[in-house]
Protein backbone atom coordinates (compact mmCIF):
# COMPACT_ATOMS: atom_id res chain seq x y z
CA MET A 1 82.88 176.87 115.07
CA ARG A 2 82.00 173.94 117.28
CA PHE A 3 79.40 172.86 114.73
CA ARG A 4 81.94 172.96 111.89
CA VAL A 5 84.36 170.86 113.92
CA ALA A 6 81.61 168.29 114.70
CA VAL A 7 80.67 168.01 111.00
CA LEU A 8 84.32 167.50 110.02
CA LEU A 9 84.71 164.78 112.65
CA LEU A 10 81.58 163.04 111.38
CA LEU A 11 82.87 163.26 107.78
CA ALA A 12 86.20 161.80 108.82
CA ALA A 13 84.52 158.96 110.70
CA SER A 14 82.31 158.22 107.64
CA THR A 15 85.39 158.14 105.36
CA VAL A 16 87.21 155.69 107.73
CA SER A 17 84.05 153.53 107.90
CA ALA A 18 83.64 153.45 104.12
CA GLN A 19 87.34 152.56 103.70
CA SER A 20 87.07 149.70 106.19
CA ALA A 21 84.01 148.32 104.35
CA SER A 22 85.51 148.58 100.88
CA PRO A 23 85.71 145.39 98.78
CA GLU A 24 89.55 145.51 98.87
CA SER A 25 89.55 145.16 102.68
CA ALA A 26 86.58 142.75 102.95
CA PRO A 27 87.44 139.31 104.26
CA THR A 28 87.70 136.48 101.72
CA HIS A 29 84.59 134.31 101.48
CA TRP A 30 85.75 130.69 101.64
CA VAL A 31 83.53 127.70 101.03
CA GLY A 32 84.57 124.08 101.08
CA THR A 33 84.54 122.41 97.67
CA TRP A 34 85.83 119.01 98.89
CA ALA A 35 86.39 117.44 102.27
CA ALA A 36 86.92 114.08 103.95
CA SER A 37 86.66 112.95 107.57
CA ALA A 38 90.13 112.20 108.99
CA PHE A 39 90.52 109.59 111.57
CA ASP A 40 93.13 107.27 113.13
CA GLY A 41 92.72 104.38 110.75
CA ASP A 42 90.74 101.11 110.56
CA PRO A 43 91.63 97.45 110.90
CA TRP A 44 91.11 96.73 107.21
CA HIS A 45 93.94 98.82 105.60
CA THR A 46 97.72 98.61 106.22
CA VAL A 47 99.67 101.85 106.28
CA PRO A 48 102.36 102.09 103.47
CA THR A 49 105.64 103.78 103.83
CA LEU A 50 104.90 107.49 103.94
CA VAL A 51 108.20 109.16 104.81
CA ASP A 52 110.78 110.37 102.32
CA SER A 53 107.84 110.15 99.89
CA THR A 54 105.54 112.20 97.86
CA LEU A 55 101.89 111.61 98.38
CA ARG A 56 99.80 112.51 95.30
CA GLU A 57 96.17 112.61 96.37
CA ILE A 58 93.25 113.06 94.01
CA VAL A 59 90.12 114.92 95.15
CA HIS A 60 86.93 115.89 93.29
CA THR A 61 85.51 119.43 93.58
CA SER A 62 81.82 120.29 93.87
CA LEU A 63 82.00 124.09 93.59
CA ALA A 64 84.02 126.34 91.33
CA GLY A 65 86.27 129.11 92.63
CA ASN A 66 88.71 131.85 91.67
CA ALA A 67 91.19 130.95 94.40
CA VAL A 68 91.91 127.78 96.38
CA ARG A 69 93.45 126.77 99.70
CA VAL A 70 94.23 123.37 101.16
CA ARG A 71 93.87 122.11 104.75
CA LEU A 72 96.42 119.53 106.00
CA THR A 73 95.88 117.65 109.26
CA ASN A 74 97.90 115.83 111.91
CA GLU A 75 94.88 115.62 114.26
CA PHE A 76 95.55 111.97 115.23
CA GLY A 77 99.35 112.16 115.16
CA THR A 78 101.44 111.81 118.30
CA GLU A 79 104.53 113.54 116.88
CA PRO A 80 105.01 116.74 114.93
CA LEU A 81 104.47 116.18 111.19
CA ARG A 82 106.87 117.99 108.88
CA VAL A 83 105.76 118.85 105.30
CA ASP A 84 108.72 120.02 103.23
CA ALA A 85 106.86 120.91 100.02
CA ALA A 86 103.40 120.71 98.53
CA THR A 87 101.67 121.54 95.20
CA ILE A 88 98.23 121.66 93.69
CA GLY A 89 97.09 121.42 90.09
CA LEU A 90 94.38 119.91 87.88
CA SER A 91 94.74 116.18 87.52
CA ALA A 92 95.58 114.86 84.05
CA GLY A 93 94.47 111.33 84.93
CA VAL A 94 95.90 108.56 87.08
CA SER A 95 99.04 110.04 88.85
CA SER A 96 99.66 112.81 86.28
CA VAL A 97 99.02 116.55 86.77
CA ASP A 98 98.49 119.26 84.16
CA ALA A 99 101.83 121.05 84.39
CA ALA A 100 100.34 124.36 83.20
CA THR A 101 98.13 124.44 86.27
CA LEU A 102 100.71 123.36 88.83
CA HIS A 103 101.03 125.78 91.81
CA ASP A 104 103.22 125.64 94.91
CA LEU A 105 101.38 125.58 98.24
CA MET A 106 102.83 127.98 100.75
CA PHE A 107 102.18 128.38 104.48
CA GLY A 108 102.67 131.89 105.70
CA GLY A 109 104.91 132.44 102.69
CA SER A 110 107.04 129.33 103.48
CA PRO A 111 107.07 126.20 101.35
CA SER A 112 107.37 123.97 104.46
CA ILE A 113 105.50 123.66 107.70
CA VAL A 114 105.53 121.58 110.89
CA ILE A 115 102.04 120.49 112.01
CA PRO A 116 101.94 119.89 115.79
CA PRO A 117 100.20 116.71 117.09
CA GLY A 118 96.47 117.14 117.15
CA ALA A 119 96.54 120.20 114.85
CA GLU A 120 95.59 121.16 111.34
CA VAL A 121 96.96 123.86 109.08
CA VAL A 122 95.64 125.87 106.16
CA SER A 123 97.69 126.89 103.22
CA ASP A 124 98.00 130.39 101.76
CA ALA A 125 95.52 131.22 99.07
CA VAL A 126 96.45 130.27 95.50
CA ALA A 127 95.08 132.37 92.63
CA MET A 128 93.87 129.47 90.54
CA ALA A 129 90.67 128.93 88.64
CA THR A 130 89.16 125.77 90.04
CA PRO A 131 86.18 124.36 88.06
CA ALA A 132 83.31 122.38 89.64
CA PHE A 133 83.54 118.58 89.21
CA ALA A 134 87.24 118.72 88.43
CA ASN A 135 89.85 116.36 89.83
CA LEU A 136 92.62 118.09 91.67
CA ALA A 137 96.03 116.52 92.33
CA ILE A 138 97.50 117.60 95.68
CA SER A 139 101.07 116.48 96.22
CA ILE A 140 102.77 116.53 99.69
CA TYR A 141 106.38 115.63 100.33
CA LEU A 142 107.14 114.20 103.76
CA PRO A 143 110.88 114.02 104.62
CA LEU A 144 112.31 111.27 106.77
CA GLN A 145 110.74 111.47 110.24
CA GLN A 146 108.99 109.45 112.89
CA VAL A 147 105.25 108.92 112.13
CA SER A 148 103.84 106.57 114.73
CA ASP A 149 100.19 107.43 114.27
CA VAL A 150 98.68 108.50 110.93
CA THR A 151 95.71 110.78 110.25
CA VAL A 152 93.93 109.18 107.32
CA HIS A 153 90.67 108.63 105.53
CA SER A 154 90.71 105.11 104.24
CA SER A 155 88.28 103.48 101.83
CA ALA A 156 88.30 106.64 99.79
CA GLN A 157 86.80 104.93 96.62
CA GLN A 158 89.67 106.83 94.91
CA ASP A 159 93.13 105.80 93.79
CA ASN A 160 95.98 107.84 95.27
CA PHE A 161 99.64 107.50 94.75
CA ILE A 162 102.96 107.36 96.69
CA GLN A 163 106.40 107.81 95.17
CA THR A 164 109.73 107.73 97.01
CA GLY A 165 111.52 111.09 97.08
CA ASN A 166 110.36 114.66 96.45
CA HIS A 167 108.34 114.69 93.22
CA VAL A 168 105.70 117.26 94.09
CA ARG A 169 106.45 119.27 90.92
CA ASP A 170 106.69 116.29 88.61
CA ALA A 171 104.06 116.14 85.92
CA SER A 172 103.70 112.38 86.42
CA LEU A 173 105.09 109.80 88.91
CA ALA A 174 107.37 107.17 87.37
CA SER A 175 106.60 104.14 89.51
CA PRO A 176 104.09 105.08 92.18
CA VAL A 177 102.53 102.76 94.80
CA LEU A 178 98.74 102.74 94.72
CA THR A 179 96.87 103.52 97.89
CA PRO A 180 93.13 103.67 98.51
CA SER A 181 93.40 106.26 101.21
CA TRP A 182 93.83 110.01 101.71
CA TYR A 183 96.60 110.80 104.20
CA PHE A 184 96.99 114.07 106.09
CA LEU A 185 94.49 115.78 103.76
CA LYS A 186 91.38 117.34 105.38
CA ALA A 187 89.72 119.77 102.97
CA VAL A 188 89.98 122.06 99.96
CA ASP A 189 88.27 125.51 100.05
CA VAL A 190 87.57 127.85 97.21
CA GLU A 191 86.76 131.51 96.91
CA PRO A 192 83.51 131.31 94.84
CA ALA A 193 82.26 133.98 92.55
CA SER A 194 78.91 134.23 94.35
CA ALA A 195 78.68 135.81 97.81
CA HIS A 196 75.74 133.41 98.39
CA ALA A 197 77.76 130.26 97.94
CA ALA A 198 77.64 127.81 100.81
CA ALA A 199 78.24 124.13 101.64
CA VAL A 200 76.09 121.15 102.46
CA VAL A 201 77.74 118.53 104.67
CA ALA A 202 76.77 114.90 104.18
CA TYR A 203 77.42 113.32 107.59
CA GLY A 204 77.33 109.58 108.18
CA ASP A 205 78.89 106.21 107.84
CA SER A 206 79.92 103.93 104.95
CA ILE A 207 76.75 104.52 103.02
CA THR A 208 77.58 108.27 102.93
CA ASP A 209 81.25 107.41 102.26
CA GLY A 210 80.13 105.55 99.15
CA ALA A 211 81.23 102.03 100.02
CA LEU A 212 80.95 99.61 97.07
CA SER A 213 80.39 102.44 94.59
CA THR A 214 82.49 102.39 91.43
CA GLU A 215 85.99 103.49 92.34
CA ASN A 216 87.39 106.65 90.74
CA ALA A 217 83.90 107.50 89.38
CA ASN A 218 82.54 109.74 92.20
CA HIS A 219 79.29 107.82 92.39
CA ARG A 220 78.62 108.33 96.09
CA TRP A 221 75.24 109.79 96.89
CA PRO A 222 76.80 113.16 97.96
CA ASP A 223 78.45 113.27 94.51
CA TYR A 224 75.17 112.76 92.78
CA LEU A 225 73.50 115.34 94.98
CA ALA A 226 76.28 117.88 94.07
CA VAL A 227 75.46 117.46 90.37
CA ARG A 228 71.74 117.92 90.99
CA LEU A 229 72.36 121.07 92.97
CA LYS A 230 74.65 122.51 90.28
CA ASN A 231 72.10 121.78 87.54
CA ASN A 232 69.37 123.56 89.44
CA PRO A 233 69.67 127.34 89.13
CA ALA A 234 68.31 128.06 92.57
CA THR A 235 71.00 125.84 94.23
CA ALA A 236 73.84 126.12 91.77
CA ASP A 237 76.06 127.85 94.38
CA LEU A 238 76.03 125.01 96.86
CA ALA A 239 78.94 122.67 97.40
CA VAL A 240 78.67 119.17 98.96
CA LEU A 241 81.25 117.93 101.49
CA ASP A 242 81.27 114.19 102.15
CA GLU A 243 82.01 113.56 105.84
CA GLY A 244 81.16 109.90 105.94
CA ILE A 245 83.32 107.26 107.64
CA GLY A 246 82.93 103.59 107.01
CA GLY A 247 81.94 101.72 110.20
CA ASN A 248 81.17 104.89 112.08
CA CYS A 249 78.62 105.03 114.95
CA ILE A 250 76.60 107.73 116.65
CA LEU A 251 77.13 106.85 120.29
CA ILE A 252 79.98 104.32 120.56
CA HIS A 253 83.49 103.81 119.25
CA CYS A 254 83.14 101.54 116.14
CA VAL A 255 85.51 102.93 113.49
CA ALA A 256 86.86 106.47 114.29
CA GLN A 257 85.40 108.73 116.99
CA ASN A 258 81.64 108.55 117.32
CA ALA A 259 79.44 111.04 115.44
CA LEU A 260 78.91 113.18 118.58
CA ALA A 261 82.63 113.37 119.26
CA ARG A 262 83.66 114.34 115.73
CA PHE A 263 80.92 116.77 114.97
CA ASP A 264 82.78 119.95 115.73
CA ARG A 265 85.78 118.88 113.64
CA ASP A 266 83.90 117.39 110.64
CA VAL A 267 80.92 119.69 110.39
CA LEU A 268 81.11 122.93 112.40
CA SER A 269 84.73 123.69 111.38
CA GLN A 270 84.08 123.30 107.64
CA ALA A 271 84.12 126.51 105.57
CA GLY A 272 80.76 127.95 104.64
CA VAL A 273 78.47 125.31 105.96
CA LYS A 274 74.80 126.15 105.83
CA TYR A 275 73.14 122.66 105.78
CA VAL A 276 73.94 119.14 107.01
CA ILE A 277 72.25 115.87 106.09
CA VAL A 278 72.67 113.20 108.78
CA LEU A 279 72.52 109.46 107.89
CA GLU A 280 73.91 107.50 110.79
CA GLY A 281 72.98 104.78 113.21
CA ILE A 282 72.93 101.48 111.39
CA ASN A 283 76.35 100.52 112.86
CA ASP A 284 75.14 101.27 116.37
CA ILE A 285 72.25 98.86 115.67
CA GLY A 286 74.47 96.27 113.96
CA THR A 287 76.66 96.15 117.05
CA LEU A 288 73.84 94.34 118.85
CA HIS A 289 75.00 91.28 116.84
CA GLU A 290 78.57 91.59 118.14
CA PRO A 291 79.41 88.67 120.44
CA ASN A 292 82.41 90.54 121.94
CA ARG A 293 80.01 93.11 123.44
CA PRO A 294 77.67 91.00 125.56
CA ASN A 295 76.76 93.91 127.77
CA TYR A 296 75.95 96.26 124.94
CA LYS A 297 72.38 97.63 125.09
CA LEU A 298 70.66 99.97 122.74
CA THR A 299 67.20 101.48 122.27
CA ALA A 300 65.75 103.74 119.59
CA GLU A 301 65.49 106.45 122.29
CA ASP A 302 69.27 106.33 122.76
CA LEU A 303 69.88 107.02 119.10
CA GLU A 304 67.15 109.74 119.03
CA GLN A 305 68.80 111.55 121.92
CA GLY A 306 72.15 111.40 120.16
CA LEU A 307 70.75 112.74 116.90
CA ALA A 308 68.89 115.50 118.74
CA GLN A 309 72.16 116.61 120.21
CA LEU A 310 73.64 117.01 116.75
CA VAL A 311 70.63 119.13 115.73
CA ALA A 312 70.98 121.36 118.77
CA ARG A 313 74.69 121.96 118.26
CA ALA A 314 74.20 122.72 114.59
CA HIS A 315 71.42 125.14 115.30
CA GLU A 316 73.72 127.12 117.58
CA HIS A 317 75.76 127.93 114.47
CA GLY A 318 72.80 128.69 112.26
CA ILE A 319 73.07 125.41 110.38
CA LYS A 320 69.91 123.57 109.21
CA VAL A 321 69.84 119.81 109.75
CA PHE A 322 68.00 117.31 107.65
CA GLY A 323 67.53 113.80 109.10
CA ALA A 324 67.71 110.82 106.70
CA THR A 325 66.04 107.51 107.42
CA LEU A 326 68.22 104.42 107.68
CA THR A 327 68.16 102.13 104.64
CA ALA A 328 67.26 98.44 104.85
CA TYR A 329 69.72 95.89 106.10
CA LYS A 330 67.99 92.50 106.27
CA GLY A 331 70.47 89.87 105.00
CA ALA A 332 73.51 91.89 106.19
CA GLY A 333 75.92 89.98 108.37
CA TYR A 334 74.93 91.86 111.56
CA PHE A 335 71.16 91.87 111.08
CA THR A 336 68.95 91.01 114.06
CA GLU A 337 65.24 91.17 114.62
CA ASN A 338 65.73 93.45 117.64
CA GLY A 339 67.90 95.68 115.54
CA GLU A 340 65.30 95.94 112.83
CA GLN A 341 62.64 97.02 115.38
CA ILE A 342 65.05 99.77 116.50
CA ARG A 343 65.64 100.86 112.89
CA GLU A 344 61.96 101.07 112.12
CA ALA A 345 61.26 102.97 115.34
CA LEU A 346 64.10 105.43 114.66
CA ASN A 347 62.97 105.99 111.09
CA HIS A 348 59.48 106.79 112.28
CA TRP A 349 60.90 109.29 114.75
CA ILE A 350 63.07 110.91 112.05
CA LEU A 351 60.05 111.38 109.86
CA THR A 352 57.57 112.58 112.50
CA SER A 353 59.30 114.06 115.51
CA GLY A 354 59.90 117.53 114.09
CA VAL A 355 63.34 117.63 115.66
CA PHE A 356 65.00 118.06 112.31
CA ASP A 357 64.45 121.03 109.98
CA ALA A 358 63.22 118.46 107.47
CA ALA A 359 63.40 114.73 106.86
CA ILE A 360 64.64 112.77 103.82
CA ASP A 361 63.37 109.22 103.35
CA PHE A 362 66.27 107.26 101.94
CA ASP A 363 64.60 104.05 103.15
CA LYS A 364 61.59 104.62 100.97
CA ALA A 365 63.76 105.74 98.01
CA THR A 366 65.80 102.50 97.98
CA GLY A 367 63.54 99.85 99.56
CA ASP A 368 61.78 97.01 97.78
CA PRO A 369 57.97 97.66 97.84
CA ALA A 370 57.42 93.88 97.80
CA ASN A 371 59.85 93.31 100.64
CA PRO A 372 60.30 96.56 102.66
CA LEU A 373 63.04 95.08 104.86
CA MET A 374 65.41 94.81 101.90
CA PHE A 375 66.85 96.97 99.10
CA ALA A 376 65.02 96.97 95.78
CA PRO A 377 66.87 94.56 93.48
CA GLN A 378 67.97 97.33 91.05
CA TYR A 379 69.75 99.14 93.98
CA GLU A 380 71.25 96.13 95.83
CA SER A 381 75.02 95.91 95.85
CA GLY A 382 75.08 92.28 97.03
CA ASP A 383 75.92 92.69 100.69
CA HIS A 384 72.35 93.73 101.76
CA LEU A 385 73.80 96.78 103.54
CA HIS A 386 75.20 99.18 100.90
CA PRO A 387 73.49 100.23 97.68
CA LYS A 388 75.28 100.14 94.37
CA ASP A 389 75.70 103.18 92.04
CA ALA A 390 72.07 103.14 91.00
CA GLY A 391 70.99 103.03 94.63
CA TYR A 392 73.21 105.98 95.51
CA ALA A 393 71.80 107.92 92.59
CA ALA A 394 68.23 107.10 93.79
CA MET A 395 69.07 108.40 97.23
CA ALA A 396 70.31 111.76 95.79
CA ASP A 397 67.31 111.96 93.48
CA SER A 398 64.92 111.57 96.35
CA ILE A 399 66.09 114.82 98.10
CA ASP A 400 63.79 117.73 97.58
CA LEU A 401 66.10 120.55 96.35
CA GLY A 402 63.53 122.99 97.74
CA LEU A 403 65.00 122.28 101.22
CA PHE A 404 67.99 124.37 100.30
CA ARG A 405 66.58 127.85 100.41
C-alpha cells in the first residue's frame, strides 16, 4: 500500500512538472530588435515643445518577430512623465503610418502611464508581425505637464516628427515639426520565431552612432552589420542594437555619462544580449586638446583599464566582448601627437592583450595604406574623424561573422 501511494505521488509530481514546463506556460523569449542610448542631451540641439504634442518616432528593426513591445524611458527626467496614449505601426514613409498595422500600446492593460523620474517602463506585448529591416512608427502623446529635463537620443540620423495635440492614431500628421532626435524612446523588443535568436550590442561613440552617414538611410556600421548577419544562414537570428552616443567617452563626462557609468543601462539591461562590440576612446584622447581642461591627463593604460572593466562586467552575464581598434583621426580638430601615440598603443593592446574574446581591426579596414594615420580617401567623410557611408560599410564588412557562434 505504501509503495502504491509513493508511485501515485511521483506520478502527480511528474504531471505538475510537465504542466509547468509546457509551451503555454513558458516565459516569452524577448530579443531587442532596435535600441538607442538615452541621455540628458547635448549642447548642439535645442529641445522643441514636447507637451500637448504627439511624438511620432521612426525606428529601424534588425530582427523579425511575431509580437512586439516598446520600452519608454524617463531615466534623466526630474519630474514624473505622463504618457496619455501611444501606438505602434509600420511606417508608410515620412510621418505616415500604415493604418492597417496600427496598434494601441497598453501598459498593464491601461492606455496611459506615469513614468517616475529615473525610471523606464515596458509596454504590454502586441501581437504584430514585425519584419526585419522595417521602419516602425511609434507615436506617443504627452499631455500638458512640466518637463524640465528630457531623456533623449539626439543626432539620430533619422527624421522624427512632432504635432500639437493627440494624433497617435492618425495615419499621417498634417503639419509636423521635424526633429533629429528620439525622445523618451529606449528600445523595441520582439518575440522571434527562433529560440536561438539573440542580440549584438554595438557600443561606442559617434562613429558607432553613424555620424555623417546618410540620414534616413540606416547606413551606420551597425546597420550594415545587421544586414550581413541576416544574409548569413548561421547568424540570421541575430539582431544588432546601436548603443552609440556622439561625443561619448570611456572614463570622463564628455557627452552623456561615460561608458563605464552607462554600461548596465545600455548593454546589460537590453533584451537577449549575447555579444557586444566596443569601439570607444577617441573622445577621451581628443580631450587632451581641450584648453579648458589644463589638468587633464591620460595614458593608454588608463583606457585599457576602463575597457577591461567592461569586459569583466559583461562576462559576469555570459556576454562575449569584441574589442574594436580606434580609427584614424589625424586632421581632426582635436588631433595631437600625444593623442596619436595613445591611440596606437591602445590599438596594439586591443589586438594583442587577449583581454577581449576577439578583436576587430576597424583601423586597418578604413585606413589609408599610403598614410596610416588617416582614412583611406574612399572612406573619408571630410572631417578626418568620421567615415562616410562607404567607410561604415567597410567597417561592417571587416567583421568575421564566425565570431558569432
